[in-house]
Each structure stands twice: as C-alpha cells, then as structure tokens.
Amino acid sequence: FDTKPELAGDTAAGPGPAADMAKFGDGRSTTTSESESSRVQIAKYMQSWSHMILGKEELSVRKFHRRMRLSTLLLVVLSTIGFVLVDLVLFNDLALRNIRNIDHTGLYRSYAVSSLFVLRDQHLAAYR
C-alpha cells in the first residue's frame, strides 16, 4: 500500500488503495475470475462474428456438396432404373430365346457331338 500523506486518509468510498481493496478484495482471487470473464467476453465476441469469416466460401462449398449429393443420388436412381429395364426386357427375352433354342436343338446337339467323335476317330486312324 502507498503510505503517502494524501492517500493515507482515503476511505473505501474515495480514491486510493483502500477503495481498491474494498472494491476488489485482496487481489488474489480476483485476477483469475477477471481473466476468465474477459476470456468469456472475448469468446462471445468472437462467436458473434465468426460466421462471417469465409462466409461466402463456406456457402459455396455447402452448395457444391449439396449438388454432388443430389447428382450422386440421381445417378444411382437412373442406374437402378436402367439395370431393371435391361434385366427385365433384354436379358429376360434373350434368356427365354436361348432356352427355347436349347430345347429345340437338344436332339441335334447329341447327333453333332457323336458325329464329331466319329470325325476325330477317322483323323486319328489316318495318322496311324
């Protein structure tokens, strides 16, 4: 404390160290709470305008992300529709046609295989 004669008679209501002591206490615990409150005030101030930092860029990135998600969803939907149509229309008709051809050529196929065995036997006999 300052012991100058002009400050020695100060009271808690007037200026001087005695007034500071009455207002803030002994000073040990007030520095922490004062710094915390100033930190909180600074954090609130920063949060009040932090959305403005790179605001336009963030908005454009969000729009681009939304467009990419929609285009991916559209691509998946169109691919699924295309696959279903191709599977039901083309492959179904093609598979039915192949099964029909297999059924019709069943007897001829056995004749073709037996004639190939006969032809192979003739070629082997010619080389002996």
N, C-alpha and C. Protein backbone atom coordinates (compact mmCIF):
# COMPACT_ATOMS: atom_id res chain seq x y z
N PHE A 1 0.84 -1.18 0.00
CA PHE A 1 0.00 0.00 0.00
C PHE A 1 0.88 1.23 0.00
N ASP A 2 0.30 2.24 -0.58
CA ASP A 2 1.01 3.51 -0.64
C ASP A 2 0.74 4.29 0.65
N THR A 3 1.79 4.73 1.31
CA THR A 3 1.62 5.45 2.58
C THR A 3 1.85 6.94 2.44
N LYS A 4 1.61 7.47 1.27
CA LYS A 4 1.77 8.91 1.07
C LYS A 4 0.71 9.63 1.90
N PRO A 5 1.01 10.83 2.39
CA PRO A 5 0.07 11.51 3.27
C PRO A 5 -1.26 11.84 2.60
N GLU A 6 -1.24 12.12 1.28
CA GLU A 6 -2.50 12.47 0.64
C GLU A 6 -3.41 11.26 0.45
N LEU A 7 -2.84 10.05 0.42
CA LEU A 7 -3.64 8.85 0.23
C LEU A 7 -3.93 8.14 1.54
N ALA A 8 -3.26 8.53 2.57
CA ALA A 8 -3.43 7.79 3.82
C ALA A 8 -4.80 7.96 4.42
N GLY A 9 -5.45 9.07 4.18
CA GLY A 9 -6.75 9.29 4.78
C GLY A 9 -7.90 8.86 3.89
N ASP A 10 -7.65 8.20 2.78
CA ASP A 10 -8.72 7.78 1.88
C ASP A 10 -9.58 6.72 2.55
N THR A 11 -10.84 6.76 2.26
CA THR A 11 -11.75 5.74 2.78
C THR A 11 -12.13 4.78 1.66
N ALA A 12 -12.98 3.81 1.99
CA ALA A 12 -13.41 2.83 0.98
C ALA A 12 -14.24 3.49 -0.10
N ALA A 13 -14.86 4.60 0.21
CA ALA A 13 -15.70 5.27 -0.78
C ALA A 13 -14.88 6.17 -1.68
N GLY A 14 -13.71 6.61 -1.24
CA GLY A 14 -12.92 7.55 -2.01
C GLY A 14 -11.85 6.84 -2.81
N PRO A 15 -11.07 7.61 -3.59
CA PRO A 15 -9.99 7.03 -4.39
C PRO A 15 -8.83 6.58 -3.54
N GLY A 16 -8.05 5.66 -4.08
CA GLY A 16 -6.86 5.19 -3.39
C GLY A 16 -6.89 3.70 -3.19
N PRO A 17 -5.83 3.17 -2.57
CA PRO A 17 -5.72 1.73 -2.38
C PRO A 17 -6.81 1.17 -1.48
N ALA A 18 -7.27 1.94 -0.54
CA ALA A 18 -8.32 1.44 0.33
C ALA A 18 -9.60 1.22 -0.44
N ALA A 19 -9.88 2.11 -1.39
CA ALA A 19 -11.07 1.95 -2.22
C ALA A 19 -10.94 0.73 -3.12
N ASP A 20 -9.71 0.52 -3.65
CA ASP A 20 -9.48 -0.66 -4.47
C ASP A 20 -9.65 -1.94 -3.67
N MET A 21 -9.17 -1.95 -2.45
CA MET A 21 -9.31 -3.13 -1.60
C MET A 21 -10.77 -3.41 -1.30
N ALA A 22 -11.54 -2.36 -1.06
CA ALA A 22 -12.96 -2.55 -0.75
C ALA A 22 -13.71 -3.06 -1.98
N LYS A 23 -13.27 -2.60 -3.15
CA LYS A 23 -13.98 -2.98 -4.36
C LYS A 23 -13.60 -4.39 -4.83
N PHE A 24 -12.32 -4.72 -4.79
CA PHE A 24 -11.84 -5.98 -5.37
C PHE A 24 -11.36 -7.00 -4.35
N GLY A 25 -11.32 -6.71 -3.12
CA GLY A 25 -10.82 -7.67 -2.13
C GLY A 25 -9.32 -7.58 -2.06
N ASP A 26 -8.70 -8.68 -1.69
CA ASP A 26 -7.25 -8.65 -1.51
C ASP A 26 -6.48 -8.85 -2.82
N GLY A 27 -7.14 -9.17 -3.90
CA GLY A 27 -6.47 -9.26 -5.19
C GLY A 27 -6.02 -10.65 -5.57
N ARG A 28 -6.06 -11.58 -4.69
CA ARG A 28 -5.57 -12.93 -5.02
C ARG A 28 -6.54 -13.69 -5.92
N SER A 29 -7.81 -13.69 -5.60
CA SER A 29 -8.77 -14.48 -6.36
C SER A 29 -9.42 -13.70 -7.49
N THR A 30 -9.29 -12.40 -7.47
CA THR A 30 -9.98 -11.60 -8.49
C THR A 30 -9.30 -11.67 -9.84
N THR A 31 -8.00 -11.89 -9.89
CA THR A 31 -7.32 -11.92 -11.19
C THR A 31 -7.80 -13.11 -12.01
N THR A 32 -8.03 -14.24 -11.38
CA THR A 32 -8.50 -15.41 -12.12
C THR A 32 -9.91 -15.19 -12.63
N SER A 33 -10.78 -14.71 -11.77
CA SER A 33 -12.17 -14.52 -12.22
C SER A 33 -12.26 -13.39 -13.23
N GLU A 34 -11.46 -12.35 -13.07
CA GLU A 34 -11.47 -11.28 -14.06
C GLU A 34 -10.97 -11.76 -15.40
N SER A 35 -9.89 -12.57 -15.39
CA SER A 35 -9.37 -13.06 -16.66
C SER A 35 -10.33 -14.06 -17.29
N GLU A 36 -11.01 -14.85 -16.50
CA GLU A 36 -12.00 -15.77 -17.06
C GLU A 36 -13.16 -15.01 -17.67
N SER A 37 -13.61 -14.00 -16.97
CA SER A 37 -14.74 -13.25 -17.52
C SER A 37 -14.32 -12.52 -18.79
N SER A 38 -13.10 -12.03 -18.82
CA SER A 38 -12.65 -11.37 -20.05
C SER A 38 -12.47 -12.40 -21.16
N ARG A 39 -12.03 -13.60 -20.82
CA ARG A 39 -11.92 -14.65 -21.83
C ARG A 39 -13.31 -15.02 -22.36
N VAL A 40 -14.26 -15.13 -21.47
CA VAL A 40 -15.62 -15.45 -21.89
C VAL A 40 -16.17 -14.35 -22.76
N GLN A 41 -15.91 -13.11 -22.39
CA GLN A 41 -16.39 -11.99 -23.19
C GLN A 41 -15.74 -11.99 -24.57
N ILE A 42 -14.45 -12.26 -24.61
CA ILE A 42 -13.76 -12.32 -25.90
C ILE A 42 -14.29 -13.46 -26.74
N ALA A 43 -14.54 -14.62 -26.11
CA ALA A 43 -15.06 -15.77 -26.86
C ALA A 43 -16.45 -15.47 -27.40
N LYS A 44 -17.28 -14.84 -26.61
CA LYS A 44 -18.62 -14.48 -27.09
C LYS A 44 -18.53 -13.47 -28.22
N TYR A 45 -17.62 -12.52 -28.10
CA TYR A 45 -17.45 -11.53 -29.16
C TYR A 45 -16.98 -12.21 -30.44
N MET A 46 -16.03 -13.13 -30.31
CA MET A 46 -15.53 -13.84 -31.49
C MET A 46 -16.62 -14.69 -32.12
N GLN A 47 -17.43 -15.34 -31.29
CA GLN A 47 -18.51 -16.17 -31.82
C GLN A 47 -19.59 -15.34 -32.48
N SER A 48 -19.73 -14.10 -32.07
CA SER A 48 -20.77 -13.26 -32.65
C SER A 48 -20.48 -12.92 -34.11
N TRP A 49 -19.23 -12.87 -34.52
CA TRP A 49 -18.92 -12.57 -35.91
C TRP A 49 -18.09 -13.65 -36.59
N SER A 50 -17.89 -14.79 -35.94
CA SER A 50 -17.07 -15.84 -36.55
C SER A 50 -17.73 -16.44 -37.78
N HIS A 51 -19.05 -16.40 -37.87
CA HIS A 51 -19.73 -16.94 -39.05
C HIS A 51 -19.45 -16.09 -40.29
N MET A 52 -18.97 -14.88 -40.10
CA MET A 52 -18.70 -14.02 -41.23
C MET A 52 -17.34 -14.31 -41.87
N ILE A 53 -16.47 -15.00 -41.16
CA ILE A 53 -15.16 -15.34 -41.69
C ILE A 53 -15.35 -16.45 -42.72
N LEU A 54 -14.93 -16.23 -43.92
CA LEU A 54 -15.08 -17.15 -45.04
C LEU A 54 -16.53 -17.57 -45.23
N GLY A 55 -17.45 -16.67 -44.97
CA GLY A 55 -18.88 -16.98 -45.08
C GLY A 55 -19.28 -17.33 -46.50
N LYS A 56 -18.83 -16.53 -47.48
CA LYS A 56 -19.19 -16.80 -48.87
C LYS A 56 -18.58 -18.11 -49.35
N GLU A 57 -17.35 -18.35 -48.97
CA GLU A 57 -16.68 -19.58 -49.40
C GLU A 57 -17.34 -20.80 -48.78
N GLU A 58 -17.69 -20.68 -47.51
CA GLU A 58 -18.35 -21.80 -46.85
C GLU A 58 -19.71 -22.08 -47.49
N LEU A 59 -20.42 -21.04 -47.86
CA LEU A 59 -21.72 -21.21 -48.51
C LEU A 59 -21.55 -21.87 -49.87
N SER A 60 -20.53 -21.48 -50.61
CA SER A 60 -20.31 -22.10 -51.93
C SER A 60 -19.90 -23.56 -51.79
N VAL A 61 -19.12 -23.88 -50.77
CA VAL A 61 -18.74 -25.28 -50.54
C VAL A 61 -19.95 -26.11 -50.15
N ARG A 62 -20.82 -25.54 -49.32
CA ARG A 62 -22.05 -26.26 -48.93
C ARG A 62 -22.96 -26.48 -50.13
N LYS A 63 -23.08 -25.47 -51.00
CA LYS A 63 -23.89 -25.63 -52.21
C LYS A 63 -23.31 -26.71 -53.12
N PHE A 64 -21.98 -26.69 -53.29
CA PHE A 64 -21.33 -27.70 -54.12
C PHE A 64 -21.54 -29.09 -53.54
N HIS A 65 -21.42 -29.22 -52.22
CA HIS A 65 -21.62 -30.52 -51.56
C HIS A 65 -23.05 -31.01 -51.77
N ARG A 66 -24.00 -30.11 -51.65
CA ARG A 66 -25.41 -30.47 -51.86
C ARG A 66 -25.63 -30.91 -53.31
N ARG A 67 -25.03 -30.18 -54.25
CA ARG A 67 -25.17 -30.57 -55.66
C ARG A 67 -24.55 -31.94 -55.94
N MET A 68 -23.41 -32.20 -55.34
CA MET A 68 -22.76 -33.51 -55.55
C MET A 68 -23.61 -34.63 -54.97
N ARG A 69 -24.20 -34.42 -53.80
CA ARG A 69 -25.06 -35.45 -53.22
C ARG A 69 -26.28 -35.70 -54.10
N LEU A 70 -26.89 -34.63 -54.60
CA LEU A 70 -28.06 -34.79 -55.46
C LEU A 70 -27.69 -35.48 -56.77
N SER A 71 -26.56 -35.10 -57.35
CA SER A 71 -26.16 -35.74 -58.61
C SER A 71 -25.81 -37.21 -58.39
N THR A 72 -25.21 -37.53 -57.27
CA THR A 72 -24.91 -38.94 -56.96
C THR A 72 -26.21 -39.72 -56.77
N LEU A 73 -27.15 -39.15 -56.06
CA LEU A 73 -28.44 -39.81 -55.88
C LEU A 73 -29.15 -40.00 -57.21
N LEU A 74 -29.11 -38.98 -58.06
CA LEU A 74 -29.73 -39.08 -59.38
C LEU A 74 -29.06 -40.16 -60.22
N LEU A 75 -27.74 -40.24 -60.15
CA LEU A 75 -27.01 -41.26 -60.89
C LEU A 75 -27.37 -42.66 -60.41
N VAL A 76 -27.49 -42.85 -59.11
CA VAL A 76 -27.86 -44.16 -58.56
C VAL A 76 -29.28 -44.54 -58.98
N VAL A 77 -30.19 -43.58 -58.93
CA VAL A 77 -31.58 -43.87 -59.31
C VAL A 77 -31.66 -44.22 -60.79
N LEU A 78 -31.01 -43.43 -61.63
CA LEU A 78 -31.05 -43.72 -63.07
C LEU A 78 -30.37 -45.04 -63.40
N SER A 79 -29.28 -45.35 -62.73
CA SER A 79 -28.59 -46.62 -62.97
C SER A 79 -29.46 -47.80 -62.55
N THR A 80 -30.16 -47.66 -61.44
CA THR A 80 -31.04 -48.73 -60.99
C THR A 80 -32.19 -48.94 -61.96
N ILE A 81 -32.79 -47.85 -62.42
CA ILE A 81 -33.87 -47.96 -63.39
C ILE A 81 -33.37 -48.59 -64.68
N GLY A 82 -32.20 -48.16 -65.14
CA GLY A 82 -31.63 -48.74 -66.35
C GLY A 82 -31.33 -50.22 -66.20
N PHE A 83 -30.78 -50.61 -65.07
CA PHE A 83 -30.47 -52.03 -64.86
C PHE A 83 -31.74 -52.87 -64.83
N VAL A 84 -32.77 -52.37 -64.16
CA VAL A 84 -34.02 -53.12 -64.07
C VAL A 84 -34.64 -53.28 -65.46
N LEU A 85 -34.65 -52.19 -66.23
CA LEU A 85 -35.22 -52.28 -67.57
C LEU A 85 -34.43 -53.24 -68.46
N VAL A 86 -33.12 -53.14 -68.42
CA VAL A 86 -32.30 -54.04 -69.24
C VAL A 86 -32.48 -55.48 -68.80
N ASP A 87 -32.54 -55.69 -67.51
CA ASP A 87 -32.69 -57.05 -67.00
C ASP A 87 -34.05 -57.62 -67.35
N LEU A 88 -35.10 -56.86 -67.18
CA LEU A 88 -36.44 -57.39 -67.44
C LEU A 88 -36.74 -57.52 -68.92
N VAL A 89 -36.31 -56.57 -69.70
CA VAL A 89 -36.68 -56.57 -71.11
C VAL A 89 -35.69 -57.37 -71.96
N LEU A 90 -34.44 -56.95 -71.94
CA LEU A 90 -33.48 -57.58 -72.86
C LEU A 90 -33.02 -58.95 -72.40
N PHE A 91 -32.52 -59.03 -71.17
CA PHE A 91 -31.96 -60.31 -70.74
C PHE A 91 -33.03 -61.36 -70.54
N ASN A 92 -34.21 -60.96 -70.14
CA ASN A 92 -35.30 -61.91 -69.97
C ASN A 92 -35.69 -62.50 -71.32
N ASP A 93 -35.85 -61.64 -72.34
CA ASP A 93 -36.18 -62.13 -73.68
C ASP A 93 -35.04 -62.96 -74.25
N LEU A 94 -33.81 -62.51 -74.03
CA LEU A 94 -32.66 -63.25 -74.55
C LEU A 94 -32.53 -64.62 -73.87
N ALA A 95 -32.73 -64.64 -72.56
CA ALA A 95 -32.64 -65.92 -71.84
C ALA A 95 -33.74 -66.87 -72.28
N LEU A 96 -34.95 -66.36 -72.45
CA LEU A 96 -36.04 -67.22 -72.92
C LEU A 96 -35.77 -67.74 -74.33
N ARG A 97 -35.22 -66.89 -75.19
CA ARG A 97 -34.89 -67.33 -76.55
C ARG A 97 -33.79 -68.39 -76.52
N ASN A 98 -32.78 -68.22 -75.66
CA ASN A 98 -31.71 -69.21 -75.56
C ASN A 98 -32.23 -70.54 -75.03
N ILE A 99 -33.11 -70.49 -74.05
CA ILE A 99 -33.68 -71.73 -73.51
C ILE A 99 -34.51 -72.44 -74.58
N ARG A 100 -35.27 -71.66 -75.34
CA ARG A 100 -36.06 -72.24 -76.43
C ARG A 100 -35.15 -72.90 -77.46
N ASN A 101 -34.05 -72.22 -77.81
CA ASN A 101 -33.12 -72.80 -78.79
C ASN A 101 -32.45 -74.05 -78.26
N ILE A 102 -32.12 -74.07 -76.99
CA ILE A 102 -31.52 -75.27 -76.40
C ILE A 102 -32.50 -76.43 -76.43
N ASP A 103 -33.75 -76.13 -76.12
CA ASP A 103 -34.76 -77.19 -76.16
C ASP A 103 -34.97 -77.72 -77.57
N HIS A 104 -34.99 -76.83 -78.56
CA HIS A 104 -35.21 -77.25 -79.95
C HIS A 104 -34.02 -78.02 -80.50
N THR A 105 -32.82 -77.69 -80.09
CA THR A 105 -31.63 -78.32 -80.67
C THR A 105 -31.09 -79.45 -79.82
N GLY A 106 -31.85 -79.90 -78.84
CA GLY A 106 -31.35 -80.95 -77.95
C GLY A 106 -30.96 -82.23 -78.69
N LEU A 107 -31.84 -82.72 -79.56
CA LEU A 107 -31.58 -83.95 -80.30
C LEU A 107 -30.46 -83.75 -81.31
N TYR A 108 -30.47 -82.58 -81.99
CA TYR A 108 -29.44 -82.31 -82.98
C TYR A 108 -28.06 -82.14 -82.34
N ARG A 109 -28.04 -81.64 -81.14
CA ARG A 109 -26.76 -81.47 -80.45
C ARG A 109 -26.13 -82.82 -80.15
N SER A 110 -26.93 -83.77 -79.74
CA SER A 110 -26.36 -85.10 -79.47
C SER A 110 -25.85 -85.74 -80.75
N TYR A 111 -26.55 -85.50 -81.89
CA TYR A 111 -26.07 -86.01 -83.18
C TYR A 111 -24.77 -85.31 -83.57
N ALA A 112 -24.66 -84.02 -83.30
CA ALA A 112 -23.46 -83.27 -83.66
C ALA A 112 -22.27 -83.75 -82.84
N VAL A 113 -22.47 -84.04 -81.58
CA VAL A 113 -21.36 -84.50 -80.74
C VAL A 113 -20.92 -85.88 -81.19
N SER A 114 -21.87 -86.75 -81.49
CA SER A 114 -21.49 -88.10 -81.93
C SER A 114 -20.78 -88.05 -83.28
N SER A 115 -21.20 -87.17 -84.19
CA SER A 115 -20.51 -87.07 -85.49
C SER A 115 -19.11 -86.49 -85.30
N LEU A 116 -18.90 -85.60 -84.32
CA LEU A 116 -17.55 -85.09 -84.05
C LEU A 116 -16.64 -86.19 -83.53
N PHE A 117 -17.17 -87.09 -82.71
CA PHE A 117 -16.36 -88.22 -82.25
C PHE A 117 -15.97 -89.13 -83.41
N VAL A 118 -16.90 -89.35 -84.33
CA VAL A 118 -16.60 -90.19 -85.50
C VAL A 118 -15.53 -89.53 -86.35
N LEU A 119 -15.64 -88.22 -86.57
CA LEU A 119 -14.65 -87.50 -87.36
C LEU A 119 -13.28 -87.53 -86.69
N ARG A 120 -13.23 -87.39 -85.36
CA ARG A 120 -11.96 -87.45 -84.63
C ARG A 120 -11.33 -88.84 -84.77
N ASP A 121 -12.16 -89.87 -84.67
CA ASP A 121 -11.64 -91.22 -84.83
C ASP A 121 -11.06 -91.45 -86.22
N GLN A 122 -11.69 -90.89 -87.23
CA GLN A 122 -11.18 -91.03 -88.60
C GLN A 122 -9.85 -90.30 -88.77
N HIS A 123 -9.71 -89.13 -88.18
CA HIS A 123 -8.42 -88.40 -88.29
C HIS A 123 -7.32 -89.15 -87.54
N LEU A 124 -7.64 -89.72 -86.38
CA LEU A 124 -6.62 -90.49 -85.66
C LEU A 124 -6.23 -91.75 -86.42
N ALA A 125 -7.20 -92.38 -87.09
CA ALA A 125 -6.90 -93.58 -87.86
C ALA A 125 -6.03 -93.24 -89.07
N ALA A 126 -6.20 -92.05 -89.64
CA ALA A 126 -5.43 -91.66 -90.82
C ALA A 126 -3.98 -91.39 -90.44
N TYR A 127 -3.70 -90.95 -89.23
CA TYR A 127 -2.32 -90.68 -88.81
C TYR A 127 -1.58 -91.93 -88.37
N ARG A 128 -2.24 -93.05 -88.16
CA ARG A 128 -1.56 -94.26 -87.71
C ARG A 128 -0.99 -94.96 -88.84
